[in-house]
Amino acid sequence: MDEKRIAIKMVVDGKERDVTFEELALSNNLALEALVRLLVEKKMFEPNELMHTMETVRKERYRVPEK
């Protein structure tokens, strides 16, 4: 049986609702995509700037630890 793990419990309009990790991840991804699109449309930055910064962050986060 595929049992879903609950990430958070929310209360909406007085009703409790369980939110799974999968639902939470999808919601975060959708919100992030919408934010990036809006910032690009408003010319706050260019898509290539975002890609460069993402690569920089990836290298910082996943670098090999010093021995």
PDB file of N, CA and C in Angstrom:
ATOM      1  N   MET A   1       0.833  -1.182   0.000  1.00  0.00           N
ATOM      2  CA  MET A   1       0.000   0.000   0.000  1.00  0.00           C
ATOM      3  C   MET A   1       0.881   1.250   0.000  1.00  0.00           C
ATOM      4  N   ASP A   2       0.582   2.209  -0.860  1.00  0.00           N
ATOM      5  CA  ASP A   2       1.342   3.450  -0.983  1.00  0.00           C
ATOM      6  C   ASP A   2       0.761   4.489  -0.027  1.00  0.00           C
ATOM      7  N   GLU A   3       1.352   4.561   1.163  1.00  0.00           N
ATOM      8  CA  GLU A   3       0.865   5.493   2.170  1.00  0.00           C
ATOM      9  C   GLU A   3       1.569   6.835   2.010  1.00  0.00           C
ATOM     10  N   LYS A   4       0.793   7.909   1.879  1.00  0.00           N
ATOM     11  CA  LYS A   4       1.352   9.244   1.702  1.00  0.00           C
ATOM     12  C   LYS A   4       1.717   9.818   3.059  1.00  0.00           C
ATOM     13  N   ARG A   5       2.891  10.442   3.123  1.00  0.00           N
ATOM     14  CA  ARG A   5       3.335  11.083   4.361  1.00  0.00           C
ATOM     15  C   ARG A   5       2.808  12.507   4.400  1.00  0.00           C
ATOM     16  N   ILE A   6       2.331  12.915   5.540  1.00  0.00           N
ATOM     17  CA  ILE A   6       1.766  14.241   5.720  1.00  0.00           C
ATOM     18  C   ILE A   6       2.873  15.218   6.083  1.00  0.00           C
ATOM     19  N   ALA A   7       2.937  16.336   5.341  1.00  0.00           N
ATOM     20  CA  ALA A   7       3.945  17.361   5.600  1.00  0.00           C
ATOM     21  C   ALA A   7       3.429  18.382   6.613  1.00  0.00           C
ATOM     22  N   ILE A   8       2.198  18.838   6.400  1.00  0.00           N
ATOM     23  CA  ILE A   8       1.603  19.833   7.292  1.00  0.00           C
ATOM     24  C   ILE A   8       0.099  19.611   7.364  1.00  0.00           C
ATOM     25  N   LYS A   9      -0.482  20.146   8.406  1.00  0.00           N
ATOM     26  CA  LYS A   9      -1.939  20.167   8.534  1.00  0.00           C
ATOM     27  C   LYS A   9      -2.354  21.625   8.446  1.00  0.00           C
ATOM     28  N   MET A  10      -3.362  21.888   7.617  1.00  0.00           N
ATOM     29  CA  MET A  10      -3.849  23.253   7.441  1.00  0.00           C
ATOM     30  C   MET A  10      -5.302  23.321   7.871  1.00  0.00           C
ATOM     31  N   VAL A  11      -5.708  24.502   8.307  1.00  0.00           N
ATOM     32  CA  VAL A  11      -7.115  24.736   8.593  1.00  0.00           C
ATOM     33  C   VAL A  11      -7.584  25.813   7.631  1.00  0.00           C
ATOM     34  N   VAL A  12      -8.525  25.443   6.770  1.00  0.00           N
ATOM     35  CA  VAL A  12      -9.084  26.356   5.778  1.00  0.00           C
ATOM     36  C   VAL A  12     -10.592  26.382   5.970  1.00  0.00           C
ATOM     37  N   ASP A  13     -11.126  27.569   6.195  1.00  0.00           N
ATOM     38  CA  ASP A  13     -12.567  27.717   6.432  1.00  0.00           C
ATOM     39  C   ASP A  13     -13.065  26.806   7.544  1.00  0.00           C
ATOM     40  N   GLY A  14     -12.244  26.670   8.584  1.00  0.00           N
ATOM     41  CA  GLY A  14     -12.644  25.860   9.725  1.00  0.00           C
ATOM     42  C   GLY A  14     -12.496  24.363   9.545  1.00  0.00           C
ATOM     43  N   LYS A  15     -12.014  23.933   8.391  1.00  0.00           N
ATOM     44  CA  LYS A  15     -11.846  22.495   8.124  1.00  0.00           C
ATOM     45  C   LYS A  15     -10.361  22.155   8.069  1.00  0.00           C
ATOM     46  N   GLU A  16      -9.993  21.067   8.769  1.00  0.00           N
ATOM     47  CA  GLU A  16      -8.600  20.623   8.764  1.00  0.00           C
ATOM     48  C   GLU A  16      -8.316  19.832   7.496  1.00  0.00           C
ATOM     49  N   ARG A  17      -7.147  20.098   6.906  1.00  0.00           N
ATOM     50  CA  ARG A  17      -6.757  19.408   5.683  1.00  0.00           C
ATOM     51  C   ARG A  17      -5.309  18.973   5.802  1.00  0.00           C
ATOM     52  N   ASP A  18      -5.020  17.715   5.467  1.00  0.00           N
ATOM     53  CA  ASP A  18      -3.654  17.208   5.435  1.00  0.00           C
ATOM     54  C   ASP A  18      -3.041  17.537   4.077  1.00  0.00           C
ATOM     55  N   VAL A  19      -1.791  18.000   4.103  1.00  0.00           N
ATOM     56  CA  VAL A  19      -1.060  18.298   2.871  1.00  0.00           C
ATOM     57  C   VAL A  19       0.144  17.370   2.820  1.00  0.00           C
ATOM     58  N   THR A  20       0.256  16.610   1.738  1.00  0.00           N
ATOM     59  CA  THR A  20       1.373  15.668   1.601  1.00  0.00           C
ATOM     60  C   THR A  20       2.637  16.397   1.159  1.00  0.00           C
ATOM     61  N   PHE A  21       3.761  15.722   1.310  1.00  0.00           N
ATOM     62  CA  PHE A  21       5.026  16.293   0.848  1.00  0.00           C
ATOM     63  C   PHE A  21       4.982  16.545  -0.660  1.00  0.00           C
ATOM     64  N   GLU A  22       4.343  15.645  -1.393  1.00  0.00           N
ATOM     65  CA  GLU A  22       4.239  15.810  -2.844  1.00  0.00           C
ATOM     66  C   GLU A  22       3.432  17.061  -3.202  1.00  0.00           C
ATOM     67  N   GLU A  23       2.308  17.265  -2.513  1.00  0.00           N
ATOM     68  CA  GLU A  23       1.485  18.453  -2.763  1.00  0.00           C
ATOM     69  C   GLU A  23       2.232  19.722  -2.392  1.00  0.00           C
ATOM     70  N   LEU A  24       2.951  19.679  -1.294  1.00  0.00           N
ATOM     71  CA  LEU A  24       3.716  20.841  -0.849  1.00  0.00           C
ATOM     72  C   LEU A  24       4.825  21.175  -1.843  1.00  0.00           C
ATOM     73  N   ALA A  25       5.525  20.160  -2.335  1.00  0.00           N
ATOM     74  CA  ALA A  25       6.587  20.385  -3.319  1.00  0.00           C
ATOM     75  C   ALA A  25       6.020  20.969  -4.603  1.00  0.00           C
ATOM     76  N   LEU A  26       4.894  20.436  -5.071  1.00  0.00           N
ATOM     77  CA  LEU A  26       4.270  20.950  -6.288  1.00  0.00           C
ATOM     78  C   LEU A  26       3.840  22.396  -6.098  1.00  0.00           C
ATOM     79  N   SER A  27       3.228  22.702  -4.967  1.00  0.00           N
ATOM     80  CA  SER A  27       2.790  24.061  -4.682  1.00  0.00           C
ATOM     81  C   SER A  27       3.972  25.030  -4.669  1.00  0.00           C
ATOM     82  N   ASN A  28       5.077  24.621  -4.040  1.00  0.00           N
ATOM     83  CA  ASN A  28       6.275  25.463  -4.005  1.00  0.00           C
ATOM     84  C   ASN A  28       6.836  25.681  -5.402  1.00  0.00           C
ATOM     85  N   ASN A  29       6.868  24.619  -6.214  1.00  0.00           N
ATOM     86  CA  ASN A  29       7.387  24.747  -7.578  1.00  0.00           C
ATOM     87  C   ASN A  29       6.522  25.673  -8.420  1.00  0.00           C
ATOM     88  N   LEU A  30       5.205  25.559  -8.297  1.00  0.00           N
ATOM     89  CA  LEU A  30       4.302  26.430  -9.060  1.00  0.00           C
ATOM     90  C   LEU A  30       4.468  27.888  -8.648  1.00  0.00           C
ATOM     91  N   ALA A  31       4.568  28.135  -7.351  1.00  0.00           N
ATOM     92  CA  ALA A  31       4.741  29.501  -6.864  1.00  0.00           C
ATOM     93  C   ALA A  31       6.067  30.084  -7.344  1.00  0.00           C
ATOM     94  N   LEU A  32       7.123  29.292  -7.308  1.00  0.00           N
ATOM     95  CA  LEU A  32       8.437  29.753  -7.758  1.00  0.00           C
ATOM     96  C   LEU A  32       8.427  30.056  -9.248  1.00  0.00           C
ATOM     97  N   GLU A  33       7.816  29.192 -10.044  1.00  0.00           N
ATOM     98  CA  GLU A  33       7.739  29.428 -11.482  1.00  0.00           C
ATOM     99  C   GLU A  33       6.953  30.703 -11.786  1.00  0.00           C
ATOM    100  N   ALA A  34       5.846  30.904 -11.099  1.00  0.00           N
ATOM    101  CA  ALA A  34       5.040  32.105 -11.306  1.00  0.00           C
ATOM    102  C   ALA A  34       5.840  33.356 -10.943  1.00  0.00           C
ATOM    103  N   LEU A  35       6.577  33.305  -9.851  1.00  0.00           N
ATOM    104  CA  LEU A  35       7.391  34.447  -9.423  1.00  0.00           C
ATOM    105  C   LEU A  35       8.475  34.765 -10.443  1.00  0.00           C
ATOM    106  N   VAL A  36       9.165  33.749 -10.931  1.00  0.00           N
ATOM    107  CA  VAL A  36      10.221  33.961 -11.925  1.00  0.00           C
ATOM    108  C   VAL A  36       9.637  34.555 -13.206  1.00  0.00           C
ATOM    109  N   ARG A  37       8.519  34.013 -13.670  1.00  0.00           N
ATOM    110  CA  ARG A  37       7.885  34.554 -14.883  1.00  0.00           C
ATOM    111  C   ARG A  37       7.531  36.020 -14.716  1.00  0.00           C
ATOM    112  N   LEU A  38       6.960  36.356 -13.567  1.00  0.00           N
ATOM    113  CA  LEU A  38       6.558  37.734 -13.310  1.00  0.00           C
ATOM    114  C   LEU A  38       7.769  38.664 -13.286  1.00  0.00           C
ATOM    115  N   LEU A  39       8.838  38.248 -12.633  1.00  0.00           N
ATOM    116  CA  LEU A  39      10.040  39.078 -12.562  1.00  0.00           C
ATOM    117  C   LEU A  39      10.678  39.257 -13.934  1.00  0.00           C
ATOM    118  N   VAL A  40      10.671  38.227 -14.770  1.00  0.00           N
ATOM    119  CA  VAL A  40      11.204  38.341 -16.130  1.00  0.00           C
ATOM    120  C   VAL A  40      10.314  39.269 -16.962  1.00  0.00           C
ATOM    121  N   GLU A  41       8.989  39.098 -16.855  1.00  0.00           N
ATOM    122  CA  GLU A  41       8.054  39.961 -17.599  1.00  0.00           C
ATOM    123  C   GLU A  41       8.220  41.424 -17.217  1.00  0.00           C
ATOM    124  N   LYS A  42       8.508  41.690 -15.953  1.00  0.00           N
ATOM    125  CA  LYS A  42       8.685  43.059 -15.485  1.00  0.00           C
ATOM    126  C   LYS A  42      10.115  43.554 -15.704  1.00  0.00           C
ATOM    127  N   LYS A  43      10.912  42.713 -16.370  1.00  0.00           N
ATOM    128  CA  LYS A  43      12.297  43.030 -16.725  1.00  0.00           C
ATOM    129  C   LYS A  43      13.172  43.341 -15.502  1.00  0.00           C
ATOM    130  N   MET A  44      12.901  42.617 -14.419  1.00  0.00           N
ATOM    131  CA  MET A  44      13.736  42.749 -13.217  1.00  0.00           C
ATOM    132  C   MET A  44      15.083  42.063 -13.438  1.00  0.00           C
ATOM    133  N   PHE A  45      15.082  41.031 -14.269  1.00  0.00           N
ATOM    134  CA  PHE A  45      16.315  40.361 -14.677  1.00  0.00           C
ATOM    135  C   PHE A  45      16.037  39.580 -15.946  1.00  0.00           C
ATOM    136  N   GLU A  46      17.105  39.168 -16.599  1.00  0.00           N
ATOM    137  CA  GLU A  46      17.018  38.373 -17.825  1.00  0.00           C
ATOM    138  C   GLU A  46      17.113  36.888 -17.464  1.00  0.00           C
ATOM    139  N   PRO A  47      16.474  36.025 -18.247  1.00  0.00           N
ATOM    140  CA  PRO A  47      16.538  34.590 -17.949  1.00  0.00           C
ATOM    141  C   PRO A  47      17.960  34.043 -17.821  1.00  0.00           C
ATOM    142  N   ASN A  48      18.886  34.550 -18.644  1.00  0.00           N
ATOM    143  CA  ASN A  48      20.269  34.051 -18.560  1.00  0.00           C
ATOM    144  C   ASN A  48      20.932  34.437 -17.235  1.00  0.00           C
ATOM    145  N   GLU A  49      20.526  35.570 -16.640  1.00  0.00           N
ATOM    146  CA  GLU A  49      21.042  35.946 -15.323  1.00  0.00           C
ATOM    147  C   GLU A  49      20.581  34.949 -14.263  1.00  0.00           C
ATOM    148  N   LEU A  50      19.333  34.532 -14.369  1.00  0.00           N
ATOM    149  CA  LEU A  50      18.801  33.538 -13.439  1.00  0.00           C
ATOM    150  C   LEU A  50      19.570  32.228 -13.575  1.00  0.00           C
ATOM    151  N   MET A  51      19.789  31.783 -14.809  1.00  0.00           N
ATOM    152  CA  MET A  51      20.505  30.522 -15.024  1.00  0.00           C
ATOM    153  C   MET A  51      21.923  30.596 -14.458  1.00  0.00           C
ATOM    154  N   HIS A  52      22.594  31.733 -14.654  1.00  0.00           N
ATOM    155  CA  HIS A  52      23.954  31.911 -14.127  1.00  0.00           C
ATOM    156  C   HIS A  52      23.939  31.849 -12.595  1.00  0.00           C
ATOM    157  N   THR A  53      22.997  32.536 -11.990  1.00  0.00           N
ATOM    158  CA  THR A  53      22.906  32.554 -10.529  1.00  0.00           C
ATOM    159  C   THR A  53      22.548  31.178  -9.985  1.00  0.00           C
ATOM    160  N   MET A  54      21.667  30.459 -10.678  1.00  0.00           N
ATOM    161  CA  MET A  54      21.323  29.102 -10.249  1.00  0.00           C
ATOM    162  C   MET A  54      22.554  28.199 -10.285  1.00  0.00           C
ATOM    163  N   GLU A  55      23.373  28.337 -11.307  1.00  0.00           N
ATOM    164  CA  GLU A  55      24.593  27.540 -11.407  1.00  0.00           C
ATOM    165  C   GLU A  55      25.553  27.885 -10.271  1.00  0.00           C
ATOM    166  N   THR A  56      25.662  29.171  -9.943  1.00  0.00           N
ATOM    167  CA  THR A  56      26.515  29.604  -8.837  1.00  0.00           C
ATOM    168  C   THR A  56      26.040  28.995  -7.523  1.00  0.00           C
ATOM    169  N   VAL A  57      24.742  29.071  -7.274  1.00  0.00           N
ATOM    170  CA  VAL A  57      24.173  28.519  -6.038  1.00  0.00           C
ATOM    171  C   VAL A  57      24.377  27.005  -5.994  1.00  0.00           C
ATOM    172  N   ARG A  58      24.168  26.335  -7.124  1.00  0.00           N
ATOM    173  CA  ARG A  58      24.370  24.878  -7.173  1.00  0.00           C
ATOM    174  C   ARG A  58      25.800  24.526  -6.790  1.00  0.00           C
ATOM    175  N   LYS A  59      26.763  25.260  -7.328  1.00  0.00           N
ATOM    176  CA  LYS A  59      28.170  24.992  -7.015  1.00  0.00           C
ATOM    177  C   LYS A  59      28.468  25.251  -5.544  1.00  0.00           C
ATOM    178  N   GLU A  60      27.868  26.289  -4.968  1.00  0.00           N
ATOM    179  CA  GLU A  60      28.079  26.596  -3.553  1.00  0.00           C
ATOM    180  C   GLU A  60      27.474  25.520  -2.654  1.00  0.00           C
ATOM    181  N   ARG A  61      26.280  25.085  -2.984  1.00  0.00           N
ATOM    182  CA  ARG A  61      25.569  24.123  -2.137  1.00  0.00           C
ATOM    183  C   ARG A  61      26.110  22.715  -2.234  1.00  0.00           C
ATOM    184  N   TYR A  62      26.571  22.337  -3.417  1.00  0.00           N
ATOM    185  CA  TYR A  62      26.970  20.941  -3.644  1.00  0.00           C
ATOM    186  C   TYR A  62      28.461  20.796  -3.876  1.00  0.00           C
ATOM    187  N   ARG A  63      29.235  21.692  -3.296  1.00  0.00           N
ATOM    188  CA  ARG A  63      30.687  21.586  -3.453  1.00  0.00           C
ATOM    189  C   ARG A  63      31.218  20.454  -2.592  1.00  0.00           C
ATOM    190  N   VAL A  64      32.370  19.969  -2.960  1.00  0.00           N
ATOM    191  CA  VAL A  64      33.010  18.880  -2.232  1.00  0.00           C
ATOM    192  C   VAL A  64      33.594  19.471  -0.937  1.00  0.00           C
ATOM    193  N   PRO A  65      33.296  18.860   0.209  1.00  0.00           N
ATOM    194  CA  PRO A  65      33.828  19.377   1.480  1.00  0.00           C
ATOM    195  C   PRO A  65      35.344  19.318   1.498  1.00  0.00           C
ATOM    196  N   GLU A  66      35.942  20.319   2.157  1.00  0.00           N
ATOM    197  CA  GLU A  66      37.406  20.328   2.302  1.00  0.00           C
ATOM    198  C   GLU A  66      37.813  19.292   3.318  1.00  0.00           C
ATOM    199  N   LYS A  67      38.973  18.669   3.075  1.00  0.00           N
ATOM    200  CA  LYS A  67      39.455  17.621   3.990  1.00  0.00           C
ATOM    201  C   LYS A  67      40.476  18.170   4.960  1.00  0.00           C
TER     202      LYS A  67
END
